[in-house]
Amino acid sequence: MTIRILRPAQVLALSCALTLSGCQNLQGSREGDLYNAPAGAYSIDLGINTFRGRVTLDERCDRYGGSTTLWDSSGRMFRVDYVQLEGNPNIRAPRFASDQTLLSLVLNAYLRGIITEAPMVKTAEVAHREFLQQSDPQSLFTIVSLDIDASKDANVPPVTGTYYYGLLLFKQDDRAYIVQHRQPALMQETMKSVLLRIADGMEIPGVARDDTEMERTRRMLARLAPGEHKNDPVRLCAPPTVGTR
């Protein structure tokens, strides 16, 4: 994995390209449908072949980070989170900690405070964990076995049984990024490949969103949504001034 790190001139060029790119209406061929995360944390092309067909999306964010969940036409779920490391009370990172230590702290925070506390999750157990020493930047890859009962949460799709939740964590500057995917069976190499492809498609930093970019994003997501979701409101967020995470 090599994350594409954009230099200032490249960020400006990408921003200019957004205003000039045309709409792609062919399902499965969406190059140029760039999604820009809140706070300019990253950008990713929703036309990459990891996503099958059309995509729906939901955002959450606060002063300490953001979370974007995506579903493709096959009902597969993906999520990309970013978290601010410095001053984040959910991480409590020590000064001068190594990247491995920071990624382990973020993972533990997810296991304790996000994954296991979800109403639909009955039990959670780490099935695999490894540091990918050869990746650039160095990454932490983990698979968690989840026993899910969706009847406990009316806001999630009706899924029940054992699922495997993959997480790929890496650090860039003062943020940690957590790329996530859910699978119905334990397929370690497939999970790793999917997560690495998404990470490879990320450009860091992304394009900062102004009012024009927010409107472009709403229109793009409404166009990409499956037919039954065409009229659903597209929920986008701007980082609030006070964190409630």
Protein backbone atom coordinates (compact mmCIF):
# COMPACT_ATOMS: atom_id res chain seq x y z
CA MET A 1 0.00 0.00 0.00
CA THR A 2 1.24 3.45 -0.88
CA ILE A 3 -1.03 6.31 0.13
CA ARG A 4 -0.98 9.15 -2.34
CA ILE A 5 0.24 12.23 -0.47
CA LEU A 6 -0.69 15.38 -2.37
CA ARG A 7 1.61 18.38 -2.38
CA PRO A 8 0.05 21.89 -2.27
CA ALA A 9 0.29 22.33 -6.04
CA GLN A 10 -1.42 18.96 -6.57
CA VAL A 11 -4.22 19.87 -4.17
CA LEU A 12 -4.84 23.06 -6.15
CA ALA A 13 -4.84 21.13 -9.42
CA LEU A 14 -7.29 18.58 -8.02
CA SER A 15 -9.57 21.37 -6.80
CA CYS A 16 -9.55 22.94 -10.26
CA ALA A 17 -10.28 19.57 -11.87
CA LEU A 18 -13.41 19.20 -9.73
CA THR A 19 -14.94 22.32 -11.25
CA LEU A 20 -14.24 21.09 -14.77
CA SER A 21 -15.17 17.40 -14.56
CA GLY A 22 -18.34 16.28 -16.29
CA CYS A 23 -21.00 13.92 -14.96
CA GLN A 24 -20.66 10.19 -15.62
CA ASN A 25 -24.07 8.54 -15.90
CA LEU A 26 -22.96 4.98 -16.67
CA GLN A 27 -23.33 2.66 -13.70
CA GLY A 28 -20.02 0.98 -12.91
CA SER A 29 -18.02 3.62 -14.81
CA ARG A 30 -17.74 6.62 -12.57
CA GLU A 31 -14.20 7.90 -12.85
CA GLY A 32 -14.13 11.50 -11.68
CA ASP A 33 -16.85 11.08 -9.02
CA LEU A 34 -14.58 12.34 -6.27
CA TYR A 35 -15.80 12.26 -2.70
CA ASN A 36 -14.09 14.75 -0.41
CA ALA A 37 -14.28 13.97 3.29
CA PRO A 38 -14.99 16.64 5.92
CA ALA A 39 -12.10 18.85 7.04
CA GLY A 40 -10.17 17.98 3.87
CA ALA A 41 -9.08 14.73 5.55
CA TYR A 42 -8.94 12.75 2.27
CA SER A 43 -10.48 12.39 -1.17
CA ILE A 44 -11.43 9.16 -2.91
CA ASP A 45 -12.83 8.34 -6.34
CA LEU A 46 -16.11 6.45 -5.96
CA GLY A 47 -15.53 4.99 -9.42
CA ILE A 48 -12.85 2.54 -8.25
CA ASN A 49 -13.83 -1.05 -8.99
CA THR A 50 -13.90 -1.97 -5.29
CA PHE A 51 -17.43 -0.55 -5.19
CA ARG A 52 -19.97 -2.54 -7.18
CA GLY A 53 -22.51 -0.40 -8.98
CA ARG A 54 -24.09 2.61 -7.35
CA VAL A 55 -23.16 3.94 -3.94
CA THR A 56 -25.08 5.44 -1.02
CA LEU A 57 -23.28 7.32 1.71
CA ASP A 58 -23.72 8.70 5.21
CA GLU A 59 -21.43 10.99 7.20
CA ARG A 60 -20.82 11.69 10.87
CA CYS A 61 -18.18 14.03 12.28
CA ASP A 62 -17.11 16.16 15.23
CA ARG A 63 -14.03 18.14 16.21
CA TYR A 64 -12.02 14.95 16.83
CA GLY A 65 -12.70 13.20 13.55
CA GLY A 66 -15.22 11.91 11.05
CA SER A 67 -16.80 8.70 9.77
CA THR A 68 -18.17 8.01 6.29
CA THR A 69 -20.13 4.80 5.66
CA LEU A 70 -20.75 3.60 2.11
CA TRP A 71 -22.99 0.86 0.73
CA ASP A 72 -22.72 -0.37 -2.85
CA SER A 73 -25.39 -1.97 -5.04
CA SER A 74 -24.50 -5.43 -3.71
CA GLY A 75 -25.33 -4.32 -0.16
CA ARG A 76 -21.69 -4.41 0.90
CA MET A 77 -20.67 -2.01 3.63
CA PHE A 78 -17.48 0.05 3.75
CA ARG A 79 -16.39 2.77 6.14
CA VAL A 80 -13.53 5.25 6.27
CA ASP A 81 -12.87 7.09 9.53
CA TYR A 82 -10.25 9.65 10.45
CA VAL A 83 -9.38 10.68 14.01
CA GLN A 84 -7.32 13.56 15.31
CA LEU A 85 -4.58 12.16 17.53
CA GLU A 86 -3.38 15.23 19.41
CA GLY A 87 -5.69 16.31 22.22
CA ASN A 88 -8.24 13.58 21.50
CA PRO A 89 -9.75 12.41 24.83
CA ASN A 90 -10.88 9.17 23.20
CA ILE A 91 -7.29 8.19 22.35
CA ARG A 92 -5.14 9.84 25.06
CA ALA A 93 -1.98 9.37 23.04
CA PRO A 94 1.27 9.80 25.01
CA ARG A 95 3.82 12.26 23.72
CA PHE A 96 6.55 10.85 21.47
CA ALA A 97 4.68 7.55 21.02
CA SER A 98 5.70 5.43 18.02
CA ASP A 99 3.29 4.95 15.12
CA GLN A 100 2.78 1.32 16.15
CA THR A 101 1.79 2.42 19.65
CA LEU A 102 -0.58 5.08 18.33
CA LEU A 103 -2.29 2.65 15.94
CA SER A 104 -2.69 0.11 18.74
CA LEU A 105 -4.27 2.80 20.95
CA VAL A 106 -6.72 3.75 18.21
CA LEU A 107 -7.64 0.11 17.59
CA ASN A 108 -8.20 -0.49 21.32
CA ALA A 109 -10.40 2.60 21.46
CA TYR A 110 -12.49 1.19 18.60
CA LEU A 111 -12.79 -2.22 20.20
CA ARG A 112 -13.76 -0.79 23.59
CA GLY A 113 -15.79 2.25 22.71
CA ILE A 114 -17.25 1.88 19.22
CA ILE A 115 -17.55 -1.69 17.99
CA THR A 116 -18.45 -3.52 21.20
CA GLU A 117 -20.83 -0.78 22.37
CA ALA A 118 -22.94 -0.89 19.21
CA PRO A 119 -26.46 -2.07 20.17
CA MET A 120 -26.52 -4.68 17.41
CA VAL A 121 -23.22 -6.32 18.46
CA LYS A 122 -23.73 -9.17 20.94
CA THR A 123 -20.09 -10.29 21.13
CA ALA A 124 -16.80 -9.29 19.49
CA GLU A 125 -13.53 -11.20 19.30
CA VAL A 126 -10.29 -10.40 17.47
CA ALA A 127 -9.76 -13.15 14.87
CA HIS A 128 -6.59 -11.79 13.26
CA ARG A 129 -4.11 -8.97 13.85
CA GLU A 130 -0.86 -8.06 12.12
CA PHE A 131 1.34 -5.07 11.37
CA LEU A 132 1.98 -4.67 7.65
CA GLN A 133 5.64 -3.76 7.86
CA GLN A 134 6.12 -3.39 4.11
CA SER A 135 3.25 -0.95 3.55
CA ASP A 136 3.87 2.76 3.20
CA PRO A 137 2.86 4.12 5.62
CA GLN A 138 3.07 1.21 8.06
CA SER A 139 -0.38 -0.19 8.77
CA LEU A 140 -2.21 -2.32 11.31
CA PHE A 141 -4.59 -4.91 9.84
CA THR A 142 -7.20 -6.54 12.06
CA ILE A 143 -10.26 -8.74 11.63
CA VAL A 144 -12.89 -8.85 14.36
CA SER A 145 -15.51 -11.61 14.58
CA LEU A 146 -18.90 -10.09 15.42
CA ASP A 147 -22.07 -11.81 16.57
CA ILE A 148 -24.78 -9.46 15.28
CA ASP A 149 -28.47 -9.11 16.07
CA ALA A 150 -29.83 -6.24 13.98
CA SER A 151 -33.21 -6.37 15.76
CA LYS A 152 -31.52 -4.44 18.58
CA ASP A 153 -31.01 -1.37 16.37
CA ALA A 154 -33.76 -0.07 14.11
CA ASN A 155 -31.32 2.17 12.23
CA VAL A 156 -29.23 -0.60 10.64
CA PRO A 157 -29.96 -3.06 7.80
CA PRO A 158 -31.59 -6.37 8.84
CA VAL A 159 -28.48 -8.53 9.25
CA THR A 160 -28.13 -11.24 11.89
CA GLY A 161 -25.47 -13.86 12.59
CA THR A 162 -21.68 -13.92 12.55
CA TYR A 163 -19.86 -11.33 10.45
CA TYR A 164 -16.21 -10.47 10.08
CA TYR A 165 -15.22 -6.83 10.37
CA GLY A 166 -11.90 -5.79 8.88
CA LEU A 167 -9.96 -2.70 9.89
CA LEU A 168 -6.86 -1.22 8.28
CA LEU A 169 -5.29 1.54 10.37
CA PHE A 170 -2.51 3.88 9.32
CA LYS A 171 -1.19 7.26 10.42
CA GLN A 172 -0.56 10.31 8.29
CA ASP A 173 0.60 13.56 9.88
CA ASP A 174 -1.55 14.20 12.97
CA ARG A 175 -4.41 11.88 12.00
CA ALA A 176 -5.07 8.17 12.09
CA TYR A 177 -7.18 6.66 9.31
CA ILE A 178 -9.32 3.56 9.77
CA VAL A 179 -10.55 1.81 6.61
CA GLN A 180 -13.26 -0.78 7.34
CA HIS A 181 -15.25 -3.49 5.57
CA ARG A 182 -17.69 -6.19 6.64
CA GLN A 183 -17.80 -9.72 5.20
CA PRO A 184 -20.09 -12.70 5.96
CA ALA A 185 -17.20 -15.20 6.10
CA LEU A 186 -13.60 -15.18 7.31
CA MET A 187 -11.54 -14.51 4.17
CA GLN A 188 -8.35 -12.97 5.50
CA GLU A 189 -6.52 -12.29 2.24
CA THR A 190 -9.65 -11.05 0.48
CA MET A 191 -10.38 -8.69 3.35
CA LYS A 192 -6.81 -7.37 3.32
CA SER A 193 -6.91 -6.87 -0.44
CA VAL A 194 -10.19 -4.92 -0.31
CA LEU A 195 -8.99 -2.64 2.47
CA LEU A 196 -5.64 -2.01 0.79
CA ARG A 197 -7.35 -1.12 -2.51
CA ILE A 198 -9.50 1.47 -0.77
CA ALA A 199 -6.48 2.89 1.07
CA ASP A 200 -4.55 3.03 -2.21
CA GLY A 201 -7.39 5.07 -3.71
CA MET A 202 -7.24 7.73 -0.99
CA GLU A 203 -5.53 11.05 -1.60
CA ILE A 204 -4.28 12.78 1.55
CA PRO A 205 -4.95 15.59 2.23
CA GLY A 206 -8.23 15.90 0.41
CA VAL A 207 -10.02 18.96 -0.95
CA ALA A 208 -11.47 21.29 1.70
CA ARG A 209 -15.21 21.66 1.21
CA ASP A 210 -16.79 25.06 0.75
CA ASP A 211 -20.49 25.73 -0.04
CA THR A 212 -19.94 25.10 -3.76
CA GLU A 213 -18.19 21.78 -3.10
CA MET A 214 -20.90 20.70 -0.63
CA GLU A 215 -23.58 21.30 -3.27
CA ARG A 216 -21.54 19.43 -5.90
CA THR A 217 -21.19 16.51 -3.51
CA ARG A 218 -24.93 16.43 -2.76
CA ARG A 219 -25.77 16.38 -6.46
CA MET A 220 -23.18 13.68 -7.17
CA LEU A 221 -24.42 11.42 -4.37
CA ALA A 222 -28.05 11.89 -5.35
CA ARG A 223 -27.15 10.89 -8.91
CA LEU A 224 -25.20 7.82 -7.80
CA ALA A 225 -27.87 6.58 -5.38
CA PRO A 226 -30.02 3.57 -6.38
CA GLY A 227 -33.45 4.43 -7.76
CA GLU A 228 -35.35 3.86 -4.51
CA HIS A 229 -33.06 6.31 -2.71
CA LYS A 230 -33.06 9.09 -5.32
CA ASN A 231 -35.24 11.40 -3.24
CA ASP A 232 -33.64 10.64 0.13
CA PRO A 233 -31.88 13.61 1.71
CA VAL A 234 -28.11 13.43 1.40
CA ARG A 235 -26.71 13.92 4.88
CA LEU A 236 -23.39 15.72 4.91
CA CYS A 237 -21.72 17.20 7.93
CA ALA A 238 -19.44 20.07 8.76
CA PRO A 239 -17.16 19.71 11.80
CA PRO A 240 -18.85 21.35 14.82
CA THR A 241 -16.94 23.56 17.19
CA VAL A 242 -17.60 21.34 20.21
CA GLY A 243 -17.00 17.59 20.17
CA THR A 244 -19.71 15.23 21.39
CA ARG A 245 -18.18 11.96 20.30
